[in-house]
Amino acid sequence: MNEDSMTISSSKQHGLVRRIVRLPLVRIVVLGYLLLMMMGLNTDVMTSYAGDPVKSVQHIVALAIAGFAVYWAYAHVIELRPVSELAMPGMGRELGIGLLIGAGLYTACELILMALGIYRITGLNSVSFMIPGIAMALSSGIFEELLFRGVLFRSVESWFGSWVALVVSSLVFGLVHLINPEGTLEGALFIAVEAGILLAAAYMLTRRLWLSMGFHVGWNYTQSAIFSSIVSGNEAAQGLIQSTIHGPDLLTGGKFGVESSVLSLLLCTSTGIVMVVMAVKRGKIVPPLWRRTVWIKKIRHSLRKAFPTLLQHRWMQSTAAMQRLAYQSLAATFWHVELRISGSMGLESVEKR
């Protein structure tokens, strides 16, 4: 084997490796694992600095910056793509809107409980009681959005489209809350519907993570730091308001918190559905891989090169036929289609719109 042949062989092997590491499943496993490890560090930090909330916030901010850096580096170095979901233009506006709506949705839930005489304010604590909630809200709002919308939703969407990604990411997001101290199946399912739809819809509408991060941080901070309420089955911490809450679990959410109440379910789910409708009207929905025109054209091009006479048949000229062929190939084996049939194709999405 001469030197040129060895070079070509080595180049093909490197190309194969690059395509493998760019697969959505690999992204979920590798990047998801890294973010999970960092989330574990967040928990350790908040536990270690429970008596010094300012230092806790400082460390969480540093970890959040590191989390963004890891996510950005994986996209640039491994996936060789721009990180459009963390694009800076419009960040302040989307983050601000998210914070206001997230805080507003939770406040609306508590105001309804107050009107019903279920939630009663008994006093106020020092403003310093609002500091610990910053660390918790930033940790959950940033890292959970990077993981569940940035990694999981985008990865599933790249193969199966927006609707499947919405269902899968929502279910996984809800079920992971079962590990919380007071986690319940009912609470997990409520979160899967209300928060899963709301947060995924925020990404679908904007194609960026800032709005969903704003929702997440705003809701959690208001819930804990202001109203001193239970957050998703975790232990309640004292915030600004001293209060008592007595009423049916259907309205209060019981030991899981307001997320497991019908109030939260109705308000958050309806807001999420509105954004989903807006995303549909603006053409932000990504179809499954086998229904994308660009992908079908690339398969046709690859087949034309491999089987010059095959595409001369009238049956092979129709888009519907190509879709059926693409679906059958995809069903046979996902990664084989990605590496063998489509060659060096990219996974285009509506993010370019």
Protein backbone atom coordinates (compact mmCIF):
# COMPACT_ATOMS: atom_id res chain seq x y z
CA MET A 1 0.00 0.00 0.00
CA ASN A 2 1.51 3.30 -1.07
CA GLU A 3 1.56 6.50 0.93
CA ASP A 4 -1.34 8.08 -1.01
CA SER A 5 -3.58 5.06 -0.37
CA MET A 6 -2.75 5.12 3.33
CA THR A 7 -3.55 8.83 3.46
CA ILE A 8 -6.91 8.31 1.75
CA SER A 9 -7.75 5.40 4.07
CA SER A 10 -6.81 7.43 7.13
CA SER A 11 -8.89 10.37 5.89
CA LYS A 12 -11.94 8.13 5.42
CA GLN A 13 -11.53 6.71 8.92
CA HIS A 14 -11.31 10.19 10.42
CA GLY A 15 -14.36 11.24 8.42
CA LEU A 16 -16.27 8.21 9.72
CA VAL A 17 -15.32 9.01 13.31
CA ARG A 18 -16.37 12.65 12.87
CA ARG A 19 -19.78 11.60 11.57
CA ILE A 20 -20.26 9.15 14.43
CA VAL A 21 -19.51 11.70 17.15
CA ARG A 22 -21.92 14.14 15.49
CA LEU A 23 -24.84 11.69 15.73
CA PRO A 24 -27.75 12.88 17.92
CA LEU A 25 -27.53 9.79 20.15
CA VAL A 26 -23.84 10.45 20.83
CA ARG A 27 -24.67 14.08 21.66
CA ILE A 28 -27.24 12.94 24.20
CA VAL A 29 -24.83 10.48 25.82
CA VAL A 30 -21.64 12.58 25.84
CA LEU A 31 -22.85 16.16 26.25
CA GLY A 32 -25.76 15.06 28.41
CA TYR A 33 -23.37 13.23 30.75
CA LEU A 34 -21.10 16.26 31.05
CA LEU A 35 -24.01 18.55 31.91
CA LEU A 36 -25.38 16.05 34.43
CA MET A 37 -22.00 15.95 36.17
CA MET A 38 -22.00 19.74 36.37
CA MET A 39 -25.52 19.71 37.79
CA GLY A 40 -24.22 17.39 40.50
CA LEU A 41 -21.49 19.93 41.27
CA ASN A 42 -24.16 22.62 41.58
CA THR A 43 -25.95 20.57 44.21
CA ASP A 44 -22.71 20.04 46.12
CA VAL A 45 -21.97 23.78 46.02
CA MET A 46 -25.41 24.79 47.32
CA THR A 47 -25.13 22.20 50.10
CA SER A 48 -21.59 23.22 51.08
CA TYR A 49 -22.36 26.95 51.12
CA ALA A 50 -25.85 26.74 52.59
CA GLY A 51 -24.72 29.07 55.38
CA ASP A 52 -23.14 31.57 52.99
CA PRO A 53 -25.65 32.28 50.19
CA VAL A 54 -23.50 34.97 48.56
CA LYS A 55 -20.63 32.54 47.99
CA SER A 56 -23.13 29.96 46.82
CA VAL A 57 -24.42 32.36 44.15
CA GLN A 58 -20.85 33.22 43.10
CA HIS A 59 -19.94 29.56 42.64
CA ILE A 60 -23.17 28.79 40.77
CA VAL A 61 -22.54 31.71 38.39
CA ALA A 62 -19.03 30.37 37.76
CA LEU A 63 -20.42 26.88 37.10
CA ALA A 64 -23.07 28.33 34.78
CA ILE A 65 -20.37 30.07 32.75
CA ALA A 66 -18.46 26.77 32.63
CA GLY A 67 -21.66 24.99 31.52
CA PHE A 68 -22.17 27.43 28.65
CA ALA A 69 -18.51 26.98 27.70
CA VAL A 70 -18.81 23.18 27.62
CA TYR A 71 -21.96 23.36 25.51
CA TRP A 72 -20.42 25.92 23.13
CA ALA A 73 -17.17 23.95 22.81
CA TYR A 74 -18.99 20.71 22.02
CA ALA A 75 -20.99 22.42 19.27
CA HIS A 76 -17.94 24.12 17.74
CA VAL A 77 -15.27 21.45 18.17
CA ILE A 78 -17.26 18.21 17.86
CA GLU A 79 -20.32 19.14 15.82
CA LEU A 80 -18.59 21.86 13.80
CA ARG A 81 -21.62 24.16 13.83
CA PRO A 82 -22.54 27.63 15.06
CA VAL A 83 -24.43 27.64 18.36
CA SER A 84 -27.52 29.41 17.08
CA GLU A 85 -29.59 28.37 20.10
CA LEU A 86 -27.32 30.55 22.27
CA ALA A 87 -27.02 33.43 19.80
CA MET A 88 -26.44 36.73 21.55
CA PRO A 89 -28.66 39.01 19.40
CA GLY A 90 -32.04 39.20 21.12
CA MET A 91 -30.77 37.49 24.28
CA GLY A 92 -31.66 40.35 26.64
CA ARG A 93 -35.15 40.76 25.24
CA GLU A 94 -36.02 37.05 25.28
CA LEU A 95 -34.47 36.46 28.69
CA GLY A 96 -36.29 39.48 30.14
CA ILE A 97 -39.64 38.44 28.69
CA GLY A 98 -39.13 34.93 30.02
CA LEU A 99 -38.29 36.16 33.52
CA LEU A 100 -41.39 38.38 33.61
CA ILE A 101 -43.78 35.74 32.30
CA GLY A 102 -42.31 33.00 34.50
CA ALA A 103 -42.63 35.18 37.59
CA GLY A 104 -46.07 36.35 36.48
CA LEU A 105 -47.43 32.84 35.97
CA TYR A 106 -46.40 31.73 39.43
CA THR A 107 -47.66 34.93 41.04
CA ALA A 108 -51.01 34.41 39.31
CA CYS A 109 -51.27 30.95 40.89
CA GLU A 110 -50.64 32.36 44.37
CA LEU A 111 -53.03 35.28 43.88
CA ILE A 112 -55.81 32.82 43.02
CA LEU A 113 -54.98 30.82 46.17
CA MET A 114 -55.06 34.05 48.18
CA ALA A 115 -58.46 34.96 46.75
CA LEU A 116 -59.73 31.54 47.78
CA GLY A 117 -58.35 31.99 51.30
CA ILE A 118 -55.94 29.07 50.90
CA TYR A 119 -52.66 31.02 50.91
CA ARG A 120 -52.32 33.55 53.73
CA ILE A 121 -49.46 36.00 54.33
CA THR A 122 -48.48 36.14 58.00
CA GLY A 123 -45.40 38.37 57.84
CA LEU A 124 -42.23 39.33 55.99
CA ASN A 125 -38.63 38.25 56.39
CA SER A 126 -35.50 40.30 55.71
CA VAL A 127 -34.61 40.91 52.07
CA SER A 128 -31.50 38.78 52.68
CA PHE A 129 -33.80 35.73 52.65
CA MET A 130 -34.19 36.28 48.89
CA ILE A 131 -30.50 35.62 48.16
CA PRO A 132 -30.35 31.78 48.48
CA GLY A 133 -33.07 31.41 45.85
CA ILE A 134 -30.82 33.00 43.25
CA ALA A 135 -28.41 30.06 43.27
CA MET A 136 -31.19 27.48 43.04
CA ALA A 137 -33.03 29.31 40.25
CA LEU A 138 -29.90 29.87 38.16
CA SER A 139 -28.74 26.29 38.60
CA SER A 140 -32.03 24.69 37.59
CA GLY A 141 -33.00 27.25 34.97
CA ILE A 142 -29.70 27.22 33.08
CA PHE A 143 -28.51 23.64 33.32
CA GLU A 144 -31.91 21.98 32.91
CA GLU A 145 -32.59 24.03 29.80
CA LEU A 146 -29.18 23.24 28.34
CA LEU A 147 -29.80 19.55 29.01
CA PHE A 148 -33.49 19.02 28.24
CA ARG A 149 -34.06 21.57 25.49
CA GLY A 150 -30.53 22.18 24.19
CA VAL A 151 -29.40 18.55 24.13
CA LEU A 152 -32.42 16.23 24.36
CA PHE A 153 -35.03 18.23 22.42
CA ARG A 154 -32.65 19.26 19.64
CA SER A 155 -31.23 15.75 19.29
CA VAL A 156 -34.62 14.05 19.02
CA GLU A 157 -35.88 16.80 16.72
CA SER A 158 -32.96 16.37 14.32
CA TRP A 159 -34.21 12.84 13.53
CA PHE A 160 -37.91 12.70 14.36
CA GLY A 161 -39.08 16.30 14.11
CA SER A 162 -40.52 18.84 16.53
CA TRP A 163 -43.65 16.96 17.64
CA VAL A 164 -41.85 13.81 18.74
CA ALA A 165 -39.16 15.94 20.40
CA LEU A 166 -41.85 17.83 22.30
CA VAL A 167 -43.36 14.61 23.65
CA VAL A 168 -40.07 12.89 24.50
CA SER A 169 -38.40 15.89 26.16
CA SER A 170 -41.55 16.68 28.16
CA LEU A 171 -41.92 13.13 29.47
CA VAL A 172 -38.26 12.82 30.42
CA PHE A 173 -38.26 16.26 32.04
CA GLY A 174 -41.30 15.36 34.11
CA LEU A 175 -40.14 11.89 35.14
CA VAL A 176 -36.74 13.04 36.41
CA HIS A 177 -38.60 15.01 39.10
CA LEU A 178 -39.53 11.69 40.69
CA ILE A 179 -36.07 11.65 42.29
CA ASN A 180 -36.86 14.78 44.34
CA PRO A 181 -37.47 14.18 48.08
CA GLU A 182 -41.27 14.55 47.80
CA GLY A 183 -41.51 13.52 44.16
CA THR A 184 -44.79 11.89 43.10
CA LEU A 185 -45.97 10.37 39.84
CA GLU A 186 -48.81 12.88 39.72
CA GLY A 187 -46.40 15.79 40.17
CA ALA A 188 -44.05 14.39 37.53
CA LEU A 189 -46.89 14.05 35.02
CA PHE A 190 -48.15 17.56 35.77
CA ILE A 191 -44.67 18.96 35.15
CA ALA A 192 -44.33 16.91 31.97
CA VAL A 193 -47.48 18.54 30.59
CA GLU A 194 -47.36 22.09 31.92
CA ALA A 195 -43.62 22.79 32.05
CA GLY A 196 -42.65 20.36 29.31
CA ILE A 197 -44.95 22.02 26.77
CA LEU A 198 -44.24 25.56 27.99
CA LEU A 199 -40.44 25.29 27.90
CA ALA A 200 -40.26 23.31 24.67
CA ALA A 201 -42.68 25.76 23.03
CA ALA A 202 -40.42 28.65 24.07
CA TYR A 203 -37.54 27.01 22.21
CA MET A 204 -39.67 26.06 19.20
CA LEU A 205 -40.93 29.62 18.86
CA THR A 206 -37.59 31.42 19.14
CA ARG A 207 -35.14 28.63 18.18
CA ARG A 208 -33.03 29.88 21.09
CA LEU A 209 -32.80 28.86 24.75
CA TRP A 210 -33.02 32.30 26.35
CA LEU A 211 -36.81 32.49 26.60
CA SER A 212 -37.13 29.04 28.19
CA MET A 213 -34.29 29.84 30.60
CA GLY A 214 -36.10 33.04 31.57
CA PHE A 215 -39.35 31.15 32.20
CA HIS A 216 -37.56 28.54 34.29
CA VAL A 217 -35.48 30.94 36.39
CA GLY A 218 -38.37 33.40 36.87
CA TRP A 219 -40.81 30.71 38.04
CA ASN A 220 -38.40 28.96 40.42
CA TYR A 221 -37.06 32.17 41.93
CA THR A 222 -40.51 33.66 42.54
CA GLN A 223 -41.74 30.39 44.00
CA SER A 224 -38.86 29.98 46.47
CA ALA A 225 -37.31 33.39 47.17
CA ILE A 226 -40.50 35.44 47.27
CA PHE A 227 -43.40 33.14 48.24
CA SER A 228 -41.35 30.64 50.34
CA SER A 229 -43.09 27.73 48.62
CA ILE A 230 -42.10 24.15 47.84
CA VAL A 231 -40.28 23.78 44.51
CA SER A 232 -41.08 20.55 42.65
CA GLY A 233 -41.05 18.25 45.64
CA ASN A 234 -37.92 19.69 47.24
CA GLU A 235 -37.75 21.01 50.79
CA ALA A 236 -39.31 24.44 51.20
CA ALA A 237 -36.94 27.28 52.11
CA GLN A 238 -37.86 30.54 53.76
CA GLY A 239 -38.01 33.44 51.34
CA LEU A 240 -39.33 36.97 51.66
CA ILE A 241 -42.91 36.12 52.60
CA GLN A 242 -43.96 34.25 55.73
CA SER A 243 -47.12 32.35 54.94
CA THR A 244 -49.48 29.48 55.68
CA ILE A 245 -51.24 27.35 53.11
CA HIS A 246 -54.22 25.13 53.84
CA GLY A 247 -56.44 23.64 51.18
CA PRO A 248 -57.05 20.65 48.90
CA ASP A 249 -54.01 19.17 47.18
CA LEU A 250 -55.81 19.64 43.87
CA LEU A 251 -55.32 23.40 44.29
CA THR A 252 -52.17 23.58 46.43
CA GLY A 253 -50.21 20.70 44.90
CA GLY A 254 -49.64 19.18 48.32
CA LYS A 255 -46.09 18.24 49.31
CA PHE A 256 -44.91 18.53 45.69
CA GLY A 257 -45.75 22.21 45.39
CA VAL A 258 -47.94 24.33 43.14
CA GLU A 259 -46.56 22.60 40.02
CA SER A 260 -48.83 19.68 40.98
CA SER A 261 -51.97 21.82 41.13
CA VAL A 262 -54.66 22.33 38.52
CA LEU A 263 -53.97 26.07 38.64
CA SER A 264 -50.43 25.63 37.38
CA LEU A 265 -51.57 22.99 34.90
CA LEU A 266 -54.16 25.32 33.35
CA LEU A 267 -52.09 28.53 33.32
CA CYS A 268 -48.77 27.09 32.13
CA THR A 269 -50.23 24.61 29.65
CA SER A 270 -52.45 27.24 28.02
CA THR A 271 -49.47 29.61 27.74
CA GLY A 272 -47.41 26.82 26.18
CA ILE A 273 -50.15 25.94 23.69
CA VAL A 274 -50.40 29.58 22.61
CA MET A 275 -46.67 29.59 21.85
CA VAL A 276 -46.89 26.26 20.01
CA VAL A 277 -49.61 27.73 17.78
CA MET A 278 -47.43 30.79 17.19
CA ALA A 279 -44.50 28.52 16.27
CA VAL A 280 -46.68 26.63 13.77
CA LYS A 281 -47.94 29.85 12.16
CA ARG A 282 -44.38 31.17 11.83
CA GLY A 283 -43.14 27.98 10.19
CA LYS A 284 -40.83 27.01 13.05
CA ILE A 285 -41.84 23.32 13.15
CA VAL A 286 -39.16 20.87 11.97
CA PRO A 287 -40.51 17.80 10.09
CA PRO A 288 -39.03 14.31 10.59
CA LEU A 289 -35.75 13.69 8.82
CA TRP A 290 -37.27 11.49 6.12
CA ARG A 291 -39.76 14.21 5.16
CA ARG A 292 -37.24 17.00 4.64
CA THR A 293 -36.86 18.03 1.01
CA VAL A 294 -33.13 18.72 1.29
CA TRP A 295 -32.51 15.30 2.80
CA ILE A 296 -34.55 13.55 0.10
CA LYS A 297 -32.62 15.39 -2.63
CA LYS A 298 -29.32 14.29 -1.10
CA ILE A 299 -30.45 10.67 -0.98
CA ARG A 300 -31.50 10.92 -4.64
CA HIS A 301 -28.08 12.37 -5.48
CA SER A 302 -26.30 9.58 -3.60
CA LEU A 303 -28.41 6.92 -5.33
CA ARG A 304 -27.79 8.51 -8.72
CA LYS A 305 -24.05 8.19 -8.16
CA ALA A 306 -24.30 4.61 -6.89
CA PHE A 307 -26.99 3.34 -9.30
CA PRO A 308 -27.00 5.49 -12.46
CA THR A 309 -29.90 3.64 -14.11
CA LEU A 310 -32.15 3.37 -11.06
CA LEU A 311 -33.46 6.93 -11.13
CA GLN A 312 -34.41 6.68 -14.80
CA HIS A 313 -37.58 4.84 -13.79
CA ARG A 314 -40.64 7.08 -13.49
CA TRP A 315 -41.46 5.61 -10.04
CA MET A 316 -38.23 7.02 -8.65
CA GLN A 317 -38.94 10.53 -9.89
CA SER A 318 -41.71 11.30 -7.40
CA THR A 319 -41.04 12.89 -4.04
CA ALA A 320 -43.53 10.52 -2.40
CA ALA A 321 -41.55 7.54 -3.64
CA MET A 322 -38.33 9.06 -2.35
CA GLN A 323 -39.98 9.65 1.03
CA ARG A 324 -41.03 5.99 1.19
CA LEU A 325 -37.53 4.89 0.26
CA ALA A 326 -36.03 7.23 2.85
CA TYR A 327 -38.41 5.96 5.54
CA GLN A 328 -37.61 2.32 4.78
CA SER A 329 -33.89 3.02 4.85
CA LEU A 330 -34.21 4.92 8.12
CA ALA A 331 -36.27 2.17 9.70
CA ALA A 332 -33.61 -0.40 8.77
CA THR A 333 -30.91 1.31 10.83
CA PHE A 334 -30.56 4.96 11.84
CA TRP A 335 -26.83 5.26 12.00
CA HIS A 336 -26.33 3.23 8.80
CA VAL A 337 -28.42 5.75 6.89
CA GLU A 338 -26.47 8.63 8.43
CA LEU A 339 -23.03 7.16 7.73
CA ARG A 340 -23.50 5.09 4.58
CA ILE A 341 -26.37 6.45 2.49
CA SER A 342 -26.35 10.16 3.18
CA GLY A 343 -22.57 10.38 3.32
CA SER A 344 -21.43 13.80 4.41
CA MET A 345 -24.83 15.44 4.56
CA GLY A 346 -25.68 17.91 7.33
CA LEU A 347 -28.85 18.01 9.37
CA GLU A 348 -30.54 21.18 8.20
CA SER A 349 -33.31 22.68 10.31
CA VAL A 350 -35.55 25.72 10.41
CA GLU A 351 -32.98 27.50 12.58
CA LYS A 352 -31.79 29.27 9.41
CA ARG A 353 -35.15 30.99 8.99
